[in-house]
Amino acid sequence: MSYVLPTKHTNPDQTAIYAATLMLKYLAKNRICNFNELKSFIEKNIEGGEFLFIPALSILFLLGKIKYHIKTDSIEFIDS
């Protein structure tokens, strides 16, 4: 099963795009959060979320919507 490119048989609530949307909503509300906190949020809200987390992060990073802070192991929402 492909988690990045949905097909007609893919459940829309189990895609990386959906996970990225949930992450954006969560980060827009909290502005910055710990890596593990965000991962737990996705795993709790999406079945199979542990497989969707990294692809969703990659999508948001490539779109320029998040920034990763190495020293604090946190992810920040960039509103631009």
C-alpha atoms as a PDB file:
ATOM      1  CA  MET A   1       0.000   0.000   0.000  1.00  0.00           C
ATOM      2  CA  SER A   2       1.309   3.430  -0.922  1.00  0.00           C
ATOM      3  CA  TYR A   3       0.909   6.022   1.810  1.00  0.00           C
ATOM      4  CA  VAL A   4       2.072   9.008  -0.209  1.00  0.00           C
ATOM      5  CA  LEU A   5       0.122   8.684  -3.459  1.00  0.00           C
ATOM      6  CA  PRO A   6      -3.502   7.739  -2.852  1.00  0.00           C
ATOM      7  CA  THR A   7      -5.430   5.507  -5.252  1.00  0.00           C
ATOM      8  CA  LYS A   8      -9.146   4.921  -5.612  1.00  0.00           C
ATOM      9  CA  HIS A   9      -8.865   2.110  -3.061  1.00  0.00           C
ATOM     10  CA  THR A  10      -7.044   4.179  -0.435  1.00  0.00           C
ATOM     11  CA  ASN A  11      -8.869   5.296   2.683  1.00  0.00           C
ATOM     12  CA  PRO A  12      -8.487   9.116   2.661  1.00  0.00           C
ATOM     13  CA  ASP A  13      -8.007   9.120   6.442  1.00  0.00           C
ATOM     14  CA  GLN A  14      -4.919   6.910   6.146  1.00  0.00           C
ATOM     15  CA  THR A  15      -2.705   8.948   3.823  1.00  0.00           C
ATOM     16  CA  ALA A  16       0.360  11.104   4.372  1.00  0.00           C
ATOM     17  CA  ILE A  17      -1.561  14.100   3.031  1.00  0.00           C
ATOM     18  CA  TYR A  18      -4.225  13.673   5.706  1.00  0.00           C
ATOM     19  CA  ALA A  19      -1.547  13.244   8.385  1.00  0.00           C
ATOM     20  CA  ALA A  20       0.153  16.428   7.158  1.00  0.00           C
ATOM     21  CA  THR A  21      -3.179  18.257   7.413  1.00  0.00           C
ATOM     22  CA  LEU A  22      -3.661  17.098  10.999  1.00  0.00           C
ATOM     23  CA  MET A  23      -0.101  18.150  11.827  1.00  0.00           C
ATOM     24  CA  LEU A  24      -0.701  21.615  10.387  1.00  0.00           C
ATOM     25  CA  LYS A  25      -3.842  22.064  12.472  1.00  0.00           C
ATOM     26  CA  TYR A  26      -2.051  20.891  15.610  1.00  0.00           C
ATOM     27  CA  LEU A  27       1.007  23.068  14.979  1.00  0.00           C
ATOM     28  CA  ALA A  28      -1.082  26.124  14.078  1.00  0.00           C
ATOM     29  CA  LYS A  29      -2.704  25.849  17.486  1.00  0.00           C
ATOM     30  CA  ASN A  30       0.467  25.092  19.486  1.00  0.00           C
ATOM     31  CA  ARG A  31       3.038  26.875  17.256  1.00  0.00           C
ATOM     32  CA  ILE A  32       5.902  24.631  18.432  1.00  0.00           C
ATOM     33  CA  CYS A  33       5.954  21.142  19.889  1.00  0.00           C
ATOM     34  CA  ASN A  34       8.263  18.286  20.727  1.00  0.00           C
ATOM     35  CA  PHE A  35       8.946  15.681  18.026  1.00  0.00           C
ATOM     36  CA  ASN A  36       7.623  12.813  20.169  1.00  0.00           C
ATOM     37  CA  GLU A  37       4.532  14.801  21.163  1.00  0.00           C
ATOM     38  CA  LEU A  38       3.594  15.328  17.505  1.00  0.00           C
ATOM     39  CA  LYS A  39       4.320  11.702  16.661  1.00  0.00           C
ATOM     40  CA  SER A  40       2.091  10.511  19.517  1.00  0.00           C
ATOM     41  CA  PHE A  41      -0.675  12.819  18.320  1.00  0.00           C
ATOM     42  CA  ILE A  42      -0.585  11.330  14.811  1.00  0.00           C
ATOM     43  CA  GLU A  43      -0.365   7.741  16.067  1.00  0.00           C
ATOM     44  CA  LYS A  44      -3.356   8.328  18.338  1.00  0.00           C
ATOM     45  CA  ASN A  45      -5.540   9.942  15.653  1.00  0.00           C
ATOM     46  CA  ILE A  46      -4.722   7.841  12.573  1.00  0.00           C
ATOM     47  CA  GLU A  47      -4.711   4.079  12.228  1.00  0.00           C
ATOM     48  CA  GLY A  48      -1.242   3.229  10.907  1.00  0.00           C
ATOM     49  CA  GLY A  49       0.001   6.695  11.868  1.00  0.00           C
ATOM     50  CA  GLU A  50       3.458   5.407  12.782  1.00  0.00           C
ATOM     51  CA  PHE A  51       4.051   4.770   9.056  1.00  0.00           C
ATOM     52  CA  LEU A  52       2.572   8.095   7.960  1.00  0.00           C
ATOM     53  CA  PHE A  53       4.470  10.356  10.347  1.00  0.00           C
ATOM     54  CA  ILE A  54       7.796  10.730   8.500  1.00  0.00           C
ATOM     55  CA  PRO A  55       6.270  11.092   4.999  1.00  0.00           C
ATOM     56  CA  ALA A  56       3.878  13.737   6.346  1.00  0.00           C
ATOM     57  CA  LEU A  57       6.762  15.604   7.983  1.00  0.00           C
ATOM     58  CA  SER A  58       8.644  15.479   4.687  1.00  0.00           C
ATOM     59  CA  ILE A  59       5.674  16.959   2.826  1.00  0.00           C
ATOM     60  CA  LEU A  60       5.397  19.847   5.291  1.00  0.00           C
ATOM     61  CA  PHE A  61       9.150  20.471   5.243  1.00  0.00           C
ATOM     62  CA  LEU A  62       9.259  20.522   1.448  1.00  0.00           C
ATOM     63  CA  LEU A  63       6.353  22.984   1.396  1.00  0.00           C
ATOM     64  CA  GLY A  64       8.239  25.238   3.835  1.00  0.00           C
ATOM     65  CA  LYS A  65       5.580  24.976   6.551  1.00  0.00           C
ATOM     66  CA  ILE A  66       7.749  23.577   9.354  1.00  0.00           C
ATOM     67  CA  LYS A  67      11.225  23.991  10.761  1.00  0.00           C
ATOM     68  CA  TYR A  68      13.057  21.390  12.848  1.00  0.00           C
ATOM     69  CA  HIS A  69      15.152  22.549  15.813  1.00  0.00           C
ATOM     70  CA  ILE A  70      17.889  20.026  16.558  1.00  0.00           C
ATOM     71  CA  LYS A  71      18.888  21.318  19.999  1.00  0.00           C
ATOM     72  CA  THR A  72      15.380  21.077  21.444  1.00  0.00           C
ATOM     73  CA  ASP A  73      14.164  18.208  19.201  1.00  0.00           C
ATOM     74  CA  SER A  74      11.090  20.251  18.338  1.00  0.00           C
ATOM     75  CA  ILE A  75       9.109  21.216  15.273  1.00  0.00           C
ATOM     76  CA  GLU A  76       7.962  24.785  14.670  1.00  0.00           C
ATOM     77  CA  PHE A  77       5.107  25.939  12.449  1.00  0.00           C
ATOM     78  CA  ILE A  78       6.157  28.622   9.969  1.00  0.00           C
ATOM     79  CA  ASP A  79       3.323  30.943   9.000  1.00  0.00           C
ATOM     80  CA  SER A  80       4.260  32.420   5.657  1.00  0.00           C
END
